[in-house]
C-alpha atoms as a PDB file:
ATOM      1  CA  GLY A   1     153.058 122.412  81.834  1.00  0.00           C
ATOM      2  CA  ALA A   2     154.842 124.235  84.662  1.00  0.00           C
ATOM      3  CA  LYS A   3     152.980 122.186  87.298  1.00  0.00           C
ATOM      4  CA  LYS A   4     153.985 118.788  86.017  1.00  0.00           C
ATOM      5  CA  ASP A   5     156.810 118.431  88.548  1.00  0.00           C
ATOM      6  CA  ARG A   6     154.546 119.151  91.396  1.00  0.00           C
ATOM      7  CA  ILE A   7     151.917 116.629  90.599  1.00  0.00           C
ATOM      8  CA  GLY A   8     151.935 113.287  92.492  1.00  0.00           C
ATOM      9  CA  ASN A   9     154.031 112.295  95.434  1.00  0.00           C
ATOM     10  CA  ALA A  10     157.361 111.384  93.992  1.00  0.00           C
ATOM     11  CA  HIS A  11     159.051 114.234  95.917  1.00  0.00           C
ATOM     12  CA  MET A  12     157.094 113.935  99.104  1.00  0.00           C
ATOM     13  CA  PHE A  13     160.026 112.625 101.193  1.00  0.00           C
ATOM     14  CA  SER A  14     163.114 114.483 102.221  1.00  0.00           C
ATOM     15  CA  GLU A  15     166.449 112.627 102.413  1.00  0.00           C
ATOM     16  CA  GLY A  16     166.763 113.438 106.199  1.00  0.00           C
ATOM     17  CA  PRO A  17     164.813 111.843 109.027  1.00  0.00           C
ATOM     18  CA  GLY A  18     161.622 113.900 108.369  1.00  0.00           C
ATOM     19  CA  TYR A  19     160.340 117.461 108.098  1.00  0.00           C
ATOM     20  CA  GLN A  20     158.583 120.084 110.114  1.00  0.00           C
ATOM     21  CA  ALA A  21     156.409 122.954 108.945  1.00  0.00           C
ATOM     22  CA  THR A  22     154.688 125.900 110.629  1.00  0.00           C
ATOM     23  CA  THR A  23     152.500 128.796 109.645  1.00  0.00           C
ATOM     24  CA  ARG A  24     152.445 132.306 110.845  1.00  0.00           C
ATOM     25  CA  PHE A  25     149.275 131.531 112.939  1.00  0.00           C
ATOM     26  CA  GLY A  26     150.875 128.856 114.935  1.00  0.00           C
ATOM     27  CA  HIS A  27     149.611 125.680 113.132  1.00  0.00           C
ATOM     28  CA  GLY A  28     152.329 123.037 112.779  1.00  0.00           C
ATOM     29  CA  LEU A  29     153.063 119.628 111.255  1.00  0.00           C
ATOM     30  CA  GLY A  30     155.886 117.398 111.918  1.00  0.00           C
ATOM     31  CA  SER A  31     156.871 113.935 110.500  1.00  0.00           C
ATOM     32  CA  ALA A  32     159.573 111.385 111.366  1.00  0.00           C
ATOM     33  CA  PHE A  33     159.986 108.774 108.581  1.00  0.00           C
ATOM     34  CA  ASP A  34     162.054 106.369 110.598  1.00  0.00           C
ATOM     35  CA  PRO A  35     161.262 107.116 114.247  1.00  0.00           C
ATOM     36  CA  ALA A  36     163.062 105.468 117.161  1.00  0.00           C
ATOM     37  CA  ALA A  37     161.008 103.437 119.393  1.00  0.00           C
ATOM     38  CA  GLY A  38     161.688 105.840 122.167  1.00  0.00           C
ATOM     39  CA  LEU A  39     159.655 108.465 120.370  1.00  0.00           C
ATOM     40  CA  LEU A  40     156.586 106.300 120.730  1.00  0.00           C
ATOM     41  CA  GLY A  41     157.046 104.927 124.233  1.00  0.00           C
ATOM     42  CA  GLU A  42     156.831 101.163 125.247  1.00  0.00           C
ATOM     43  CA  VAL A  43     153.892 100.403 123.013  1.00  0.00           C
ATOM     44  CA  GLY A  44     155.912 102.077 120.248  1.00  0.00           C
ATOM     45  CA  LYS A  45     158.794  99.728 120.727  1.00  0.00           C
ATOM     46  CA  GLU A  46     156.514  96.719 120.302  1.00  0.00           C
ATOM     47  CA  MET A  47     154.928  98.196 117.230  1.00  0.00           C
ATOM     48  CA  MET A  48     158.435  99.017 115.628  1.00  0.00           C
ATOM     49  CA  GLU A  49     159.520  95.424 116.237  1.00  0.00           C
ATOM     50  CA  TRP A  50     156.385  94.094 114.613  1.00  0.00           C
ATOM     51  CA  GLN A  51     156.791  96.385 111.665  1.00  0.00           C
ATOM     52  CA  ALA A  52     160.465  95.524 111.295  1.00  0.00           C
ATOM     53  CA  GLN A  53     159.503  91.832 110.787  1.00  0.00           C
ATOM     54  CA  ARG A  54     157.379  92.828 107.909  1.00  0.00           C
ATOM     55  CA  ARG A  55     159.538  95.647 106.306  1.00  0.00           C
ATOM     56  CA  ASP A  56     161.008  93.383 103.471  1.00  0.00           C
ATOM     57  CA  LEU A  57     157.603  92.170 102.421  1.00  0.00           C
ATOM     58  CA  ILE A  58     156.036  95.709 102.483  1.00  0.00           C
ATOM     59  CA  GLU A  59     158.939  97.049 100.390  1.00  0.00           C
ATOM     60  CA  GLN A  60     158.592  94.327  97.873  1.00  0.00           C
ATOM     61  CA  ARG A  61     154.815  94.940  97.622  1.00  0.00           C
ATOM     62  CA  ILE A  62     154.769  98.804  97.343  1.00  0.00           C
ATOM     63  CA  GLY A  63     158.330  99.870  96.794  1.00  0.00           C
ATOM     64  CA  LYS A  64     161.019 101.222  99.110  1.00  0.00           C
ATOM     65  CA  LEU A  65     159.846 104.982  98.846  1.00  0.00           C
ATOM     66  CA  LYS A  66     156.281 104.273  99.782  1.00  0.00           C
ATOM     67  CA  ALA A  67     157.262 101.704 102.474  1.00  0.00           C
ATOM     68  CA  ARG A  68     158.627 104.700 104.470  1.00  0.00           C
ATOM     69  CA  LEU A  69     154.976 105.670 105.128  1.00  0.00           C
ATOM     70  CA  TYR A  70     154.285 102.307 106.662  1.00  0.00           C
ATOM     71  CA  ARG A  71     156.736 103.123 109.516  1.00  0.00           C
ATOM     72  CA  TYR A  72     156.479 106.821 110.053  1.00  0.00           C
ATOM     73  CA  HIS A  73     155.230 109.028 112.695  1.00  0.00           C
ATOM     74  CA  MET A  74     153.353 112.305 112.223  1.00  0.00           C
ATOM     75  CA  ASN A  75     151.944 114.874 114.478  1.00  0.00           C
ATOM     76  CA  GLY A  76     150.143 118.179 113.956  1.00  0.00           C
ATOM     77  CA  THR A  77     148.862 121.106 115.999  1.00  0.00           C
ATOM     78  CA  ILE A  78     146.028 123.680 115.404  1.00  0.00           C
ATOM     79  CA  PHE A  79     145.810 126.803 117.443  1.00  0.00           C
ATOM     80  CA  PRO A  80     142.984 129.408 117.427  1.00  0.00           C
ATOM     81  CA  ASN A  81     143.163 132.116 114.687  1.00  0.00           C
ATOM     82  CA  ASN A  82     141.862 134.912 116.898  1.00  0.00           C
END
């Protein structure tokens, strides 16, 4: 039916570097699909190097689209709804 295009996760990624969403009450969610190591600090740099060594293997196993989740960064905030 009308919902068939919204089922599943085939359209979950934007073509850009990520996405950000907010609500009228101040909650928020942000995601960077290919973050620079600077975003995650010194430990992030080491982690990104470790992940880069495995990127091809991960893409072979789960596909290029889903492999973007393997190396992404997500953050969220929740504020009181007074």
